[in-house]
Amino acid sequence: MNIIAEKNIPLAEVRAILRDKKKEYSKEGKEQLYEQKRALDHANRSTKLNLRDSRKLIEQLSQLEFKLNEDQIIKICDLLPETVDDIRAIFAKERFKYTEEEIKKILDIVDQYR
């Protein structure tokens, strides 16, 4: 297997990809690899959004006037933070600090998908 490109994707998309692979394998009479089964199990337990809502949330977060990077958006989408402190924890490694108002805008958007 050759790696063509790497891209961060939300857990909802991981779940959709692995479910499709599982269906494809079952049609061919094959079984998923151990790692694929574990990843699908993790995605099923950890994903809070469906694929459509996940994509909508990513779209809304990427349109904010203060730009979030792709990693931050994916992490917010996967974790659905509930408080200002939860969002600050996601941004803990960042050198740039977001204002209280910006964080509240993020929370307002995320609250629509809870």
PDB file of N, CA and C in Angstrom:
ATOM      1  N   MET A   1       0.847  -1.169   0.000  1.00  0.00           N
ATOM      2  CA  MET A   1       0.000   0.000   0.000  1.00  0.00           C
ATOM      3  C   MET A   1       0.894   1.234   0.000  1.00  0.00           C
ATOM      4  N   ASN A   2       0.598   2.151  -0.903  1.00  0.00           N
ATOM      5  CA  ASN A   2       1.343   3.399  -0.988  1.00  0.00           C
ATOM      6  C   ASN A   2       0.513   4.534  -0.427  1.00  0.00           C
ATOM      7  N   ILE A   3       1.158   5.378   0.356  1.00  0.00           N
ATOM      8  CA  ILE A   3       0.482   6.545   0.909  1.00  0.00           C
ATOM      9  C   ILE A   3       0.575   7.654  -0.124  1.00  0.00           C
ATOM     10  N   ILE A   4      -0.578   8.098  -0.576  1.00  0.00           N
ATOM     11  CA  ILE A   4      -0.626   9.152  -1.589  1.00  0.00           C
ATOM     12  C   ILE A   4      -0.651  10.520  -0.926  1.00  0.00           C
ATOM     13  N   ALA A   5      -1.455  10.637   0.119  1.00  0.00           N
ATOM     14  CA  ALA A   5      -1.572  11.903   0.842  1.00  0.00           C
ATOM     15  C   ALA A   5      -2.074  11.624   2.250  1.00  0.00           C
ATOM     16  N   GLU A   6      -1.792  12.545   3.133  1.00  0.00           N
ATOM     17  CA  GLU A   6      -2.295  12.460   4.496  1.00  0.00           C
ATOM     18  C   GLU A   6      -3.185  13.657   4.749  1.00  0.00           C
ATOM     19  N   LYS A   7      -4.296  13.387   5.439  1.00  0.00           N
ATOM     20  CA  LYS A   7      -5.235  14.456   5.748  1.00  0.00           C
ATOM     21  C   LYS A   7      -5.963  14.093   7.031  1.00  0.00           C
ATOM     22  N   ASN A   8      -6.129  15.054   7.917  1.00  0.00           N
ATOM     23  CA  ASN A   8      -6.921  14.836   9.127  1.00  0.00           C
ATOM     24  C   ASN A   8      -8.390  14.847   8.760  1.00  0.00           C
ATOM     25  N   ILE A   9      -9.121  13.876   9.314  1.00  0.00           N
ATOM     26  CA  ILE A   9     -10.550  13.799   9.071  1.00  0.00           C
ATOM     27  C   ILE A   9     -11.260  13.537  10.399  1.00  0.00           C
ATOM     28  N   PRO A  10     -12.510  13.962  10.509  1.00  0.00           N
ATOM     29  CA  PRO A  10     -13.248  13.727  11.757  1.00  0.00           C
ATOM     30  C   PRO A  10     -13.596  12.252  11.924  1.00  0.00           C
ATOM     31  N   LEU A  11     -13.847  11.860  13.160  1.00  0.00           N
ATOM     32  CA  LEU A  11     -14.193  10.465  13.451  1.00  0.00           C
ATOM     33  C   LEU A  11     -15.441  10.007  12.715  1.00  0.00           C
ATOM     34  N   ALA A  12     -16.374  10.907  12.467  1.00  0.00           N
ATOM     35  CA  ALA A  12     -17.584  10.532  11.732  1.00  0.00           C
ATOM     36  C   ALA A  12     -17.232  10.056  10.323  1.00  0.00           C
ATOM     37  N   GLU A  13     -16.254  10.691   9.722  1.00  0.00           N
ATOM     38  CA  GLU A  13     -15.819  10.279   8.381  1.00  0.00           C
ATOM     39  C   GLU A  13     -15.038   8.966   8.440  1.00  0.00           C
ATOM     40  N   VAL A  14     -14.242   8.800   9.478  1.00  0.00           N
ATOM     41  CA  VAL A  14     -13.525   7.533   9.674  1.00  0.00           C
ATOM     42  C   VAL A  14     -14.526   6.394   9.780  1.00  0.00           C
ATOM     43  N   ARG A  15     -15.555   6.624  10.572  1.00  0.00           N
ATOM     44  CA  ARG A  15     -16.591   5.608  10.761  1.00  0.00           C
ATOM     45  C   ARG A  15     -17.259   5.261   9.427  1.00  0.00           C
ATOM     46  N   ALA A  16     -17.587   6.275   8.635  1.00  0.00           N
ATOM     47  CA  ALA A  16     -18.242   6.040   7.345  1.00  0.00           C
ATOM     48  C   ALA A  16     -17.331   5.252   6.397  1.00  0.00           C
ATOM     49  N   ILE A  17     -16.067   5.603   6.360  1.00  0.00           N
ATOM     50  CA  ILE A  17     -15.115   4.902   5.496  1.00  0.00           C
ATOM     51  C   ILE A  17     -14.980   3.449   5.920  1.00  0.00           C
ATOM     52  N   LEU A  18     -14.825   3.217   7.206  1.00  0.00           N
ATOM     53  CA  LEU A  18     -14.643   1.842   7.687  1.00  0.00           C
ATOM     54  C   LEU A  18     -15.917   1.006   7.530  1.00  0.00           C
ATOM     55  N   ARG A  19     -17.074   1.621   7.670  1.00  0.00           N
ATOM     56  CA  ARG A  19     -18.325   0.889   7.428  1.00  0.00           C
ATOM     57  C   ARG A  19     -18.435   0.478   5.966  1.00  0.00           C
ATOM     58  N   ASP A  20     -18.054   1.399   5.068  1.00  0.00           N
ATOM     59  CA  ASP A  20     -18.071   1.075   3.640  1.00  0.00           C
ATOM     60  C   ASP A  20     -17.100  -0.059   3.328  1.00  0.00           C
ATOM     61  N   LYS A  21     -15.928  -0.003   3.935  1.00  0.00           N
ATOM     62  CA  LYS A  21     -14.935  -1.070   3.738  1.00  0.00           C
ATOM     63  C   LYS A  21     -15.464  -2.406   4.248  1.00  0.00           C
ATOM     64  N   LYS A  22     -16.137  -2.370   5.384  1.00  0.00           N
ATOM     65  CA  LYS A  22     -16.695  -3.600   5.962  1.00  0.00           C
ATOM     66  C   LYS A  22     -17.719  -4.216   5.005  1.00  0.00           C
ATOM     67  N   LYS A  23     -18.592  -3.382   4.433  1.00  0.00           N
ATOM     68  CA  LYS A  23     -19.574  -3.865   3.459  1.00  0.00           C
ATOM     69  C   LYS A  23     -18.884  -4.430   2.219  1.00  0.00           C
ATOM     70  N   GLU A  24     -17.871  -3.712   1.751  1.00  0.00           N
ATOM     71  CA  GLU A  24     -17.120  -4.150   0.570  1.00  0.00           C
ATOM     72  C   GLU A  24     -16.449  -5.499   0.831  1.00  0.00           C
ATOM     73  N   TYR A  25     -15.830  -5.620   1.971  1.00  0.00           N
ATOM     74  CA  TYR A  25     -15.170  -6.881   2.323  1.00  0.00           C
ATOM     75  C   TYR A  25     -16.173  -8.022   2.448  1.00  0.00           C
ATOM     76  N   SER A  26     -17.326  -7.757   3.057  1.00  0.00           N
ATOM     77  CA  SER A  26     -18.302  -8.832   3.237  1.00  0.00           C
ATOM     78  C   SER A  26     -18.848  -9.307   1.886  1.00  0.00           C
ATOM     79  N   LYS A  27     -18.992  -8.389   0.924  1.00  0.00           N
ATOM     80  CA  LYS A  27     -19.436  -8.781  -0.419  1.00  0.00           C
ATOM     81  C   LYS A  27     -18.403  -9.684  -1.092  1.00  0.00           C
ATOM     82  N   GLU A  28     -17.139  -9.442  -0.797  1.00  0.00           N
ATOM     83  CA  GLU A  28     -16.056 -10.229  -1.382  1.00  0.00           C
ATOM     84  C   GLU A  28     -15.746 -11.478  -0.564  1.00  0.00           C
ATOM     85  N   GLY A  29     -16.444 -11.647   0.555  1.00  0.00           N
ATOM     86  CA  GLY A  29     -16.208 -12.807   1.402  1.00  0.00           C
ATOM     87  C   GLY A  29     -14.959 -12.692   2.257  1.00  0.00           C
ATOM     88  N   LYS A  30     -14.489 -11.463   2.443  1.00  0.00           N
ATOM     89  CA  LYS A  30     -13.299 -11.221   3.256  1.00  0.00           C
ATOM     90  C   LYS A  30     -13.719 -10.692   4.612  1.00  0.00           C
ATOM     91  N   GLU A  31     -12.768 -10.662   5.521  1.00  0.00           N
ATOM     92  CA  GLU A  31     -13.006 -10.100   6.844  1.00  0.00           C
ATOM     93  C   GLU A  31     -12.079  -8.909   7.045  1.00  0.00           C
ATOM     94  N   GLN A  32     -12.560  -7.925   7.803  1.00  0.00           N
ATOM     95  CA  GLN A  32     -11.732  -6.759   8.090  1.00  0.00           C
ATOM     96  C   GLN A  32     -10.498  -7.160   8.878  1.00  0.00           C
ATOM     97  N   LEU A  33      -9.449  -6.372   8.706  1.00  0.00           N
ATOM     98  CA  LEU A  33      -8.246  -6.575   9.500  1.00  0.00           C
ATOM     99  C   LEU A  33      -8.529  -6.199  10.951  1.00  0.00           C
ATOM    100  N   TYR A  34      -7.722  -6.739  11.841  1.00  0.00           N
ATOM    101  CA  TYR A  34      -7.884  -6.466  13.275  1.00  0.00           C
ATOM    102  C   TYR A  34      -7.872  -4.964  13.546  1.00  0.00           C
ATOM    103  N   GLU A  35      -6.938  -4.256  12.936  1.00  0.00           N
ATOM    104  CA  GLU A  35      -6.807  -2.816  13.161  1.00  0.00           C
ATOM    105  C   GLU A  35      -8.043  -2.072  12.675  1.00  0.00           C
ATOM    106  N   GLN A  36      -8.598  -2.518  11.545  1.00  0.00           N
ATOM    107  CA  GLN A  36      -9.801  -1.880  11.019  1.00  0.00           C
ATOM    108  C   GLN A  36     -10.989  -2.107  11.950  1.00  0.00           C
ATOM    109  N   LYS A  37     -11.097  -3.312  12.488  1.00  0.00           N
ATOM    110  CA  LYS A  37     -12.180  -3.604  13.431  1.00  0.00           C
ATOM    111  C   LYS A  37     -12.060  -2.731  14.677  1.00  0.00           C
ATOM    112  N   ARG A  38     -10.853  -2.631  15.195  1.00  0.00           N
ATOM    113  CA  ARG A  38     -10.636  -1.812  16.408  1.00  0.00           C
ATOM    114  C   ARG A  38     -10.922  -0.341  16.127  1.00  0.00           C
ATOM    115  N   ALA A  39     -10.475   0.154  14.966  1.00  0.00           N
ATOM    116  CA  ALA A  39     -10.709   1.555  14.619  1.00  0.00           C
ATOM    117  C   ALA A  39     -12.201   1.828  14.442  1.00  0.00           C
ATOM    118  N   LEU A  40     -12.924   0.887  13.815  1.00  0.00           N
ATOM    119  CA  LEU A  40     -14.366   1.052  13.642  1.00  0.00           C
ATOM    120  C   LEU A  40     -15.075   1.033  14.994  1.00  0.00           C
ATOM    121  N   ASP A  41     -14.665   0.142  15.867  1.00  0.00           N
ATOM    122  CA  ASP A  41     -15.250   0.081  17.210  1.00  0.00           C
ATOM    123  C   ASP A  41     -15.021   1.390  17.958  1.00  0.00           C
ATOM    124  N   HIS A  42     -13.808   1.907  17.885  1.00  0.00           N
ATOM    125  CA  HIS A  42     -13.489   3.175  18.538  1.00  0.00           C
ATOM    126  C   HIS A  42     -14.322   4.315  17.939  1.00  0.00           C
ATOM    127  N   ALA A  43     -14.408   4.360  16.623  1.00  0.00           N
ATOM    128  CA  ALA A  43     -15.181   5.421  15.966  1.00  0.00           C
ATOM    129  C   ALA A  43     -16.657   5.333  16.345  1.00  0.00           C
ATOM    130  N   ASN A  44     -17.190   4.123  16.425  1.00  0.00           N
ATOM    131  CA  ASN A  44     -18.596   3.959  16.811  1.00  0.00           C
ATOM    132  C   ASN A  44     -18.852   4.447  18.233  1.00  0.00           C
ATOM    133  N   ARG A  45     -17.926   4.164  19.140  1.00  0.00           N
ATOM    134  CA  ARG A  45     -18.099   4.569  20.537  1.00  0.00           C
ATOM    135  C   ARG A  45     -17.841   6.046  20.749  1.00  0.00           C
ATOM    136  N   SER A  46     -16.928   6.626  19.989  1.00  0.00           N
ATOM    137  CA  SER A  46     -16.475   7.989  20.252  1.00  0.00           C
ATOM    138  C   SER A  46     -17.173   9.063  19.430  1.00  0.00           C
ATOM    139  N   THR A  47     -17.746   8.693  18.310  1.00  0.00           N
ATOM    140  CA  THR A  47     -18.348   9.688  17.435  1.00  0.00           C
ATOM    141  C   THR A  47     -19.706  10.111  17.955  1.00  0.00           C
ATOM    142  N   LYS A  48     -19.876  11.422  18.076  1.00  0.00           N
ATOM    143  CA  LYS A  48     -21.124  11.963  18.586  1.00  0.00           C
ATOM    144  C   LYS A  48     -22.012  12.501  17.467  1.00  0.00           C
ATOM    145  N   LEU A  49     -21.423  12.762  16.303  1.00  0.00           N
ATOM    146  CA  LEU A  49     -22.162  13.330  15.183  1.00  0.00           C
ATOM    147  C   LEU A  49     -22.237  12.349  14.027  1.00  0.00           C
ATOM    148  N   ASN A  50     -23.259  12.515  13.190  1.00  0.00           N
ATOM    149  CA  ASN A  50     -23.265  11.750  11.949  1.00  0.00           C
ATOM    150  C   ASN A  50     -22.409  12.503  10.924  1.00  0.00           C
ATOM    151  N   LEU A  51     -22.167  11.887   9.796  1.00  0.00           N
ATOM    152  CA  LEU A  51     -21.259  12.460   8.804  1.00  0.00           C
ATOM    153  C   LEU A  51     -21.765  13.800   8.270  1.00  0.00           C
ATOM    154  N   ARG A  52     -23.049  13.902   8.013  1.00  0.00           N
ATOM    155  CA  ARG A  52     -23.624  15.141   7.471  1.00  0.00           C
ATOM    156  C   ARG A  52     -23.448  16.296   8.455  1.00  0.00           C
ATOM    157  N   ASP A  53     -23.791  16.064   9.720  1.00  0.00           N
ATOM    158  CA  ASP A  53     -23.653  17.120  10.727  1.00  0.00           C
ATOM    159  C   ASP A  53     -22.189  17.483  10.958  1.00  0.00           C
ATOM    160  N   SER A  54     -21.338  16.490  10.908  1.00  0.00           N
ATOM    161  CA  SER A  54     -19.909  16.730  11.079  1.00  0.00           C
ATOM    162  C   SER A  54     -19.390  17.661   9.982  1.00  0.00           C
ATOM    163  N   ARG A  55     -19.789  17.399   8.768  1.00  0.00           N
ATOM    164  CA  ARG A  55     -19.351  18.253   7.641  1.00  0.00           C
ATOM    165  C   ARG A  55     -19.916  19.661   7.759  1.00  0.00           C
ATOM    166  N   LYS A  56     -21.165  19.789   8.212  1.00  0.00           N
ATOM    167  CA  LYS A  56     -21.760  21.113   8.400  1.00  0.00           C
ATOM    168  C   LYS A  56     -21.017  21.894   9.483  1.00  0.00           C
ATOM    169  N   LEU A  57     -20.693  21.219  10.574  1.00  0.00           N
ATOM    170  CA  LEU A  57     -19.976  21.875  11.665  1.00  0.00           C
ATOM    171  C   LEU A  57     -18.599  22.335  11.197  1.00  0.00           C
ATOM    172  N   ILE A  58     -17.902  21.486  10.472  1.00  0.00           N
ATOM    173  CA  ILE A  58     -16.583  21.860   9.940  1.00  0.00           C
ATOM    174  C   ILE A  58     -16.704  23.082   9.042  1.00  0.00           C
ATOM    175  N   GLU A  59     -17.722  23.093   8.197  1.00  0.00           N
ATOM    176  CA  GLU A  59     -17.944  24.226   7.295  1.00  0.00           C
ATOM    177  C   GLU A  59     -18.170  25.517   8.083  1.00  0.00           C
ATOM    178  N   GLN A  60     -19.027  25.454   9.103  1.00  0.00           N
ATOM    179  CA  GLN A  60     -19.318  26.650   9.894  1.00  0.00           C
ATOM    180  C   GLN A  60     -18.084  27.137  10.647  1.00  0.00           C
ATOM    181  N   LEU A  61     -17.328  26.222  11.219  1.00  0.00           N
ATOM    182  CA  LEU A  61     -16.131  26.623  11.969  1.00  0.00           C
ATOM    183  C   LEU A  61     -15.072  27.215  11.038  1.00  0.00           C
ATOM    184  N   SER A  62     -14.974  26.708   9.839  1.00  0.00           N
ATOM    185  CA  SER A  62     -13.960  27.225   8.910  1.00  0.00           C
ATOM    186  C   SER A  62     -14.329  28.597   8.360  1.00  0.00           C
ATOM    187  N   GLN A  63     -15.586  29.000   8.496  1.00  0.00           N
ATOM    188  CA  GLN A  63     -16.018  30.303   7.992  1.00  0.00           C
ATOM    189  C   GLN A  63     -15.921  31.418   9.030  1.00  0.00           C
ATOM    190  N   LEU A  64     -15.464  31.102  10.227  1.00  0.00           N
ATOM    191  CA  LEU A  64     -15.315  32.143  11.245  1.00  0.00           C
ATOM    192  C   LEU A  64     -14.274  33.162  10.799  1.00  0.00           C
ATOM    193  N   GLU A  65     -14.475  34.432  11.197  1.00  0.00           N
ATOM    194  CA  GLU A  65     -13.554  35.493  10.770  1.00  0.00           C
ATOM    195  C   GLU A  65     -12.149  35.318  11.361  1.00  0.00           C
ATOM    196  N   PHE A  66     -12.054  34.756  12.547  1.00  0.00           N
ATOM    197  CA  PHE A  66     -10.742  34.409  13.096  1.00  0.00           C
ATOM    198  C   PHE A  66     -10.506  32.977  12.649  1.00  0.00           C
ATOM    199  N   LYS A  67      -9.445  32.770  11.954  1.00  0.00           N
ATOM    200  CA  LYS A  67      -9.226  31.488  11.292  1.00  0.00           C
ATOM    201  C   LYS A  67      -8.716  30.430  12.254  1.00  0.00           C
ATOM    202  N   LEU A  68      -9.443  29.323  12.305  1.00  0.00           N
ATOM    203  CA  LEU A  68      -8.994  28.136  13.023  1.00  0.00           C
ATOM    204  C   LEU A  68      -8.281  27.254  12.008  1.00  0.00           C
ATOM    205  N   ASN A  69      -7.230  26.567  12.444  1.00  0.00           N
ATOM    206  CA  ASN A  69      -6.584  25.674  11.490  1.00  0.00           C
ATOM    207  C   ASN A  69      -7.343  24.355  11.412  1.00  0.00           C
ATOM    208  N   GLU A  70      -7.036  23.569  10.424  1.00  0.00           N
ATOM    209  CA  GLU A  70      -7.765  22.332  10.162  1.00  0.00           C
ATOM    210  C   GLU A  70      -7.714  21.368  11.344  1.00  0.00           C
ATOM    211  N   ASP A  71      -6.566  21.257  11.982  1.00  0.00           N
ATOM    212  CA  ASP A  71      -6.435  20.366  13.141  1.00  0.00           C
ATOM    213  C   ASP A  71      -7.370  20.781  14.278  1.00  0.00           C
ATOM    214  N   GLN A  72      -7.438  22.077  14.535  1.00  0.00           N
ATOM    215  CA  GLN A  72      -8.310  22.582  15.591  1.00  0.00           C
ATOM    216  C   GLN A  72      -9.779  22.310  15.272  1.00  0.00           C
ATOM    217  N   ILE A  73     -10.155  22.531  14.036  1.00  0.00           N
ATOM    218  CA  ILE A  73     -11.546  22.318  13.626  1.00  0.00           C
ATOM    219  C   ILE A  73     -11.933  20.853  13.783  1.00  0.00           C
ATOM    220  N   ILE A  74     -11.059  19.951  13.346  1.00  0.00           N
ATOM    221  CA  ILE A  74     -11.338  18.515  13.451  1.00  0.00           C
ATOM    222  C   ILE A  74     -11.454  18.112  14.918  1.00  0.00           C
ATOM    223  N   LYS A  75     -10.557  18.612  15.757  1.00  0.00           N
ATOM    224  CA  LYS A  75     -10.585  18.273  17.185  1.00  0.00           C
ATOM    225  C   LYS A  75     -11.874  18.781  17.835  1.00  0.00           C
ATOM    226  N   ILE A  76     -12.280  19.997  17.506  1.00  0.00           N
ATOM    227  CA  ILE A  76     -13.529  20.543  18.036  1.00  0.00           C
ATOM    228  C   ILE A  76     -14.709  19.691  17.574  1.00  0.00           C
ATOM    229  N   CYS A  77     -14.693  19.297  16.340  1.00  0.00           N
ATOM    230  CA  CYS A  77     -15.774  18.477  15.777  1.00  0.00           C
ATOM    231  C   CYS A  77     -15.840  17.110  16.476  1.00  0.00           C
ATOM    232  N   ASP A  78     -14.710  16.518  16.762  1.00  0.00           N
ATOM    233  CA  ASP A  78     -14.689  15.206  17.404  1.00  0.00           C
ATOM    234  C   ASP A  78     -15.073  15.266  18.879  1.00  0.00           C
ATOM    235  N   LEU A  79     -14.637  16.307  19.569  1.00  0.00           N
ATOM    236  CA  LEU A  79     -14.841  16.377  21.012  1.00  0.00           C
ATOM    237  C   LEU A  79     -16.118  17.108  21.425  1.00  0.00           C
ATOM    238  N   LEU A  80     -16.614  17.979  20.574  1.00  0.00           N
ATOM    239  CA  LEU A  80     -17.776  18.813  20.899  1.00  0.00           C
ATOM    240  C   LEU A  80     -17.650  19.415  22.302  1.00  0.00           C
ATOM    241  N   PRO A  81     -16.675  20.301  22.487  1.00  0.00           N
ATOM    242  CA  PRO A  81     -16.450  20.885  23.816  1.00  0.00           C
ATOM    243  C   PRO A  81     -17.682  21.634  24.317  1.00  0.00           C
ATOM    244  N   GLU A  82     -17.862  21.600  25.628  1.00  0.00           N
ATOM    245  CA  GLU A  82     -19.049  22.199  26.239  1.00  0.00           C
ATOM    246  C   GLU A  82     -18.767  23.503  26.964  1.00  0.00           C
ATOM    247  N   THR A  83     -17.526  23.725  27.354  1.00  0.00           N
ATOM    248  CA  THR A  83     -17.204  24.920  28.132  1.00  0.00           C
ATOM    249  C   THR A  83     -16.017  25.653  27.521  1.00  0.00           C
ATOM    250  N   VAL A  84     -15.824  26.867  27.999  1.00  0.00           N
ATOM    251  CA  VAL A  84     -14.679  27.674  27.570  1.00  0.00           C
ATOM    252  C   VAL A  84     -13.378  26.951  27.922  1.00  0.00           C
ATOM    253  N   ASP A  85     -13.343  26.338  29.091  1.00  0.00           N
ATOM    254  CA  ASP A  85     -12.137  25.613  29.508  1.00  0.00           C
ATOM    255  C   ASP A  85     -11.845  24.419  28.603  1.00  0.00           C
ATOM    256  N   ASP A  86     -12.891  23.761  28.129  1.00  0.00           N
ATOM    257  CA  ASP A  86     -12.693  22.641  27.191  1.00  0.00           C
ATOM    258  C   ASP A  86     -12.021  23.130  25.908  1.00  0.00           C
ATOM    259  N   ILE A  87     -12.462  24.271  25.427  1.00  0.00           N
ATOM    260  CA  ILE A  87     -11.866  24.822  24.200  1.00  0.00           C
ATOM    261  C   ILE A  87     -10.442  25.282  24.464  1.00  0.00           C
ATOM    262  N   ARG A  88     -10.218  25.890  25.601  1.00  0.00           N
ATOM    263  CA  ARG A  88      -8.847  26.306  25.943  1.00  0.00           C
ATOM    264  C   ARG A  88      -7.917  25.096  26.009  1.00  0.00           C
ATOM    265  N   ALA A  89      -8.416  23.968  26.477  1.00  0.00           N
ATOM    266  CA  ALA A  89      -7.603  22.748  26.526  1.00  0.00           C
ATOM    267  C   ALA A  89      -7.215  22.301  25.116  1.00  0.00           C
ATOM    268  N   ILE A  90      -8.125  22.450  24.164  1.00  0.00           N
ATOM    269  CA  ILE A  90      -7.811  22.091  22.777  1.00  0.00           C
ATOM    270  C   ILE A  90      -6.724  23.006  22.232  1.00  0.00           C
ATOM    271  N   PHE A  91      -6.757  24.279  22.616  1.00  0.00           N
ATOM    272  CA  PHE A  91      -5.785  25.262  22.130  1.00  0.00           C
ATOM    273  C   PHE A  91      -4.571  25.400  23.036  1.00  0.00           C
ATOM    274  N   ALA A  92      -4.395  24.529  23.991  1.00  0.00           N
ATOM    275  CA  ALA A  92      -3.343  24.677  24.997  1.00  0.00           C
ATOM    276  C   ALA A  92      -1.946  24.773  24.393  1.00  0.00           C
ATOM    277  N   LYS A  93      -1.680  24.063  23.326  1.00  0.00           N
ATOM    278  CA  LYS A  93      -0.346  24.077  22.723  1.00  0.00           C
ATOM    279  C   LYS A  93      -0.122  25.261  21.788  1.00  0.00           C
ATOM    280  N   GLU A  94      -1.171  25.985  21.495  1.00  0.00           N
ATOM    281  CA  GLU A  94      -1.077  27.096  20.548  1.00  0.00           C
ATOM    282  C   GLU A  94      -0.388  28.297  21.183  1.00  0.00           C
ATOM    283  N   ARG A  95       0.367  28.988  20.396  1.00  0.00           N
ATOM    284  CA  ARG A  95       1.006  30.211  20.876  1.00  0.00           C
ATOM    285  C   ARG A  95       0.028  31.369  20.858  1.00  0.00           C
ATOM    286  N   PHE A  96      -0.869  31.347  19.894  1.00  0.00           N
ATOM    287  CA  PHE A  96      -1.866  32.401  19.760  1.00  0.00           C
ATOM    288  C   PHE A  96      -3.028  32.102  20.689  1.00  0.00           C
ATOM    289  N   LYS A  97      -3.459  33.075  21.421  1.00  0.00           N
ATOM    290  CA  LYS A  97      -4.581  32.917  22.348  1.00  0.00           C
ATOM    291  C   LYS A  97      -5.839  33.533  21.731  1.00  0.00           C
ATOM    292  N   TYR A  98      -6.932  32.809  21.823  1.00  0.00           N
ATOM    293  CA  TYR A  98      -8.209  33.320  21.350  1.00  0.00           C
ATOM    294  C   TYR A  98      -8.886  34.069  22.487  1.00  0.00           C
ATOM    295  N   THR A  99      -9.650  35.092  22.133  1.00  0.00           N
ATOM    296  CA  THR A  99     -10.343  35.884  23.144  1.00  0.00           C
ATOM    297  C   THR A  99     -11.556  35.114  23.655  1.00  0.00           C
ATOM    298  N   GLU A 100     -12.060  35.579  24.775  1.00  0.00           N
ATOM    299  CA  GLU A 100     -13.256  34.982  25.370  1.00  0.00           C
ATOM    300  C   GLU A 100     -14.434  35.048  24.393  1.00  0.00           C
ATOM    301  N   GLU A 101     -14.547  36.157  23.683  1.00  0.00           N
ATOM    302  CA  GLU A 101     -15.629  36.341  22.706  1.00  0.00           C
ATOM    303  C   GLU A 101     -15.501  35.344  21.555  1.00  0.00           C
ATOM    304  N   GLU A 102     -14.297  35.129  21.067  1.00  0.00           N
ATOM    305  CA  GLU A 102     -14.083  34.175  19.972  1.00  0.00           C
ATOM    306  C   GLU A 102     -14.410  32.749  20.421  1.00  0.00           C
ATOM    307  N   ILE A 103     -14.012  32.413  21.620  1.00  0.00           N
ATOM    308  CA  ILE A 103     -14.296  31.076  22.146  1.00  0.00           C
ATOM    309  C   ILE A 103     -15.803  30.882  22.314  1.00  0.00           C
ATOM    310  N   LYS A 104     -16.497  31.911  22.739  1.00  0.00           N
ATOM    311  CA  LYS A 104     -17.952  31.810  22.896  1.00  0.00           C
ATOM    312  C   LYS A 104     -18.639  31.641  21.546  1.00  0.00           C
ATOM    313  N   LYS A 105     -18.093  32.252  20.496  1.00  0.00           N
ATOM    314  CA  LYS A 105     -18.642  32.052  19.151  1.00  0.00           C
ATOM    315  C   LYS A 105     -18.492  30.586  18.733  1.00  0.00           C
ATOM    316  N   ILE A 106     -17.349  30.011  19.047  1.00  0.00           N
ATOM    317  CA  ILE A 106     -17.123  28.595  18.741  1.00  0.00           C
ATOM    318  C   ILE A 106     -18.140  27.740  19.492  1.00  0.00           C
ATOM    319  N   LEU A 107     -18.319  28.020  20.774  1.00  0.00           N
ATOM    320  CA  LEU A 107     -19.280  27.262  21.588  1.00  0.00           C
ATOM    321  C   LEU A 107     -20.707  27.401  21.071  1.00  0.00           C
ATOM    322  N   ASP A 108     -21.069  28.587  20.616  1.00  0.00           N
ATOM    323  CA  ASP A 108     -22.415  28.797  20.072  1.00  0.00           C
ATOM    324  C   ASP A 108     -22.649  27.910  18.849  1.00  0.00           C
ATOM    325  N   ILE A 109     -21.649  27.816  18.011  1.00  0.00           N
ATOM    326  CA  ILE A 109     -21.766  26.968  16.816  1.00  0.00           C
ATOM    327  C   ILE A 109     -21.846  25.498  17.214  1.00  0.00           C
ATOM    328  N   VAL A 110     -20.978  25.078  18.115  1.00  0.00           N
ATOM    329  CA  VAL A 110     -20.953  23.679  18.546  1.00  0.00           C
ATOM    330  C   VAL A 110     -22.265  23.308  19.235  1.00  0.00           C
ATOM    331  N   ASP A 111     -22.847  24.215  20.000  1.00  0.00           N
ATOM    332  CA  ASP A 111     -24.106  23.946  20.707  1.00  0.00           C
ATOM    333  C   ASP A 111     -25.252  23.587  19.766  1.00  0.00           C
ATOM    334  N   GLN A 112     -25.194  24.055  18.527  1.00  0.00           N
ATOM    335  CA  GLN A 112     -26.219  23.724  17.545  1.00  0.00           C
ATOM    336  C   GLN A 112     -26.222  22.246  17.166  1.00  0.00           C
ATOM    337  N   TYR A 113     -25.121  21.557  17.431  1.00  0.00           N
ATOM    338  CA  TYR A 113     -24.971  20.171  17.004  1.00  0.00           C
ATOM    339  C   TYR A 113     -25.005  19.188  18.161  1.00  0.00           C
ATOM    340  N   ARG A 114     -25.303  19.629  19.330  1.00  0.00           N
ATOM    341  CA  ARG A 114     -25.367  18.746  20.479  1.00  0.00           C
ATOM    342  C   ARG A 114     -26.708  18.102  20.594  1.00  0.00           C
TER     343      ARG A 114
END
